[in-house]
Amino acid sequence: MQIVEVGENAQYKKEFIQFPVRLYRADSCWIRPLDADVEEVFDSARNKRFEHGECVRYLLLNDKGETIGRVAAFIDHEIANLDNDQPTGGLGFFECIDDQAAAFALFDAGKAWLQSRGMEAMDGPINFGDRDRWWGLLVDGFDREPNYCMPYTKPYYIPLFENYGFKDYFKQYTFGIPTTWSKLTEMSQAVKDRAQRIFQNPDYTFRTIDKKQLPAAAEQFRHIYNAAWGGHSGVKEMSAAQAQLLMQKLKPVIDEKIIYFAYYHDEPVAFFVCLPELNQVFKYVNGKLDLIGKLKFLWHMLLKTNRKAFGVVFGVAPEHQGKGVEAAIALRMPHEADHNPNFQYTELEMNWVGDFNPIMVRFVSQLGSKIVKTHVTYRKLFDETKPFKRCPVIGRKK
């Protein structure tokens, strides 16, 4: 076996994309990611993490020169020491045949590169970018298709990671949530009552967004996001420019009917951003948004063939938490669906609820939802004599 660095080698870059296509050929639930989405991560002109970070990619070749694995290692120097007891880098985009020696060779390559740059641990599999993409190893839910930019990985990866010494740093749950009020049969009555009280309180109003007013929506989103999430472990505050760029990127796929804001006396206090689940369309384009791919995408979007939505991000300003606003904003979709017999979506999944946020886990569970997928973010300490600590629990003193 031979480890080769991808670098600027055109053939190796192509193999980095093509190897998973061959590896998952027989997996009916796997949906090929868009080539452009993967390539963007490793493009210094498009990925802002390169401004204060660095990255390397490797392929593993067998004795015949055939690709049998891939991996990337990276460091974001702004957050390597953030909320960590040691400088911690990242390892991701791991794909490999079912062979422990091959997997360990890839892990060793990433570890050596990180150690040479002063890192003392690595998290993986994660993204050289934000947590909402390519983050975590699938450990449950192999019978369900992945949501857009969420990992779908082989079951045998679990022992490969754990046998190398990776340990569970935190779990990320994907919940399936009923999309009509009548189907919320397992929802806590207390949660339902709290939501109804907010709906009936004239001080609170709920609105969906208007694409013509995206700049204003972006600024309201940023204001609430920073208040709700800005101080949490591994989460940086969002700048005005980042919020505007995010909304512009989402604009082509936004469905105005399923992005909800809550207002208290016209002041924005909560949001629940849902989008059409794009993999339900992208699975028809085979990873390529060329002319044919774009035509297929537009065809399915215009015909509204997609019946699945997914919750991208949820937030409530701290001063309005615990009052029922969480329940009201999260249940706005089933509330609207019950008043609209032509409502498009019959499925809703909510990504990325970390087990380090037990309040959120409990709350989403009380909505009558069920965990349908579980991902694990692992951490490997290079000095295994040091005590391993899981991700700090939100709201618990260190």
Foldseek 3Di string as FASTA:
>chain_A
DDKDWQPVPPVSLVCLQCVVCVVCVPQPQEFRAFSVVVVLLVDVVRAVLVVQKDKIKIFDADPVRDTFKIKMWMARPVCLPFVDPWRETEMASIDGDLDLVRLVVRVVVNVVVCVVVRGQKYKDDQGSHDRLARFFEWQFQSVHHDFHRYDRGDNSVVCSCVVSPWDFQWKKFKKKFFQAPVPLPQADPVLVVLLVVQVPDVQKDKAFDDLVPQLVVLVLVLVQCCQFPCPDGPHHRDDSVRSSVVSVVCSVFADRVAWMFMGGNNRTFKIWGKTQRCSVQSSVQRNHPDPVSVVSSVVCVVVLVGQEMETRDIGGRPVCPPRSVRSNNVNVRNVVCNVPVVDRHRIYMYTTDMPLEVVVVVNVVNSSIDGNIMGTIIMHGNPVVDDDDHRHRPPDDD
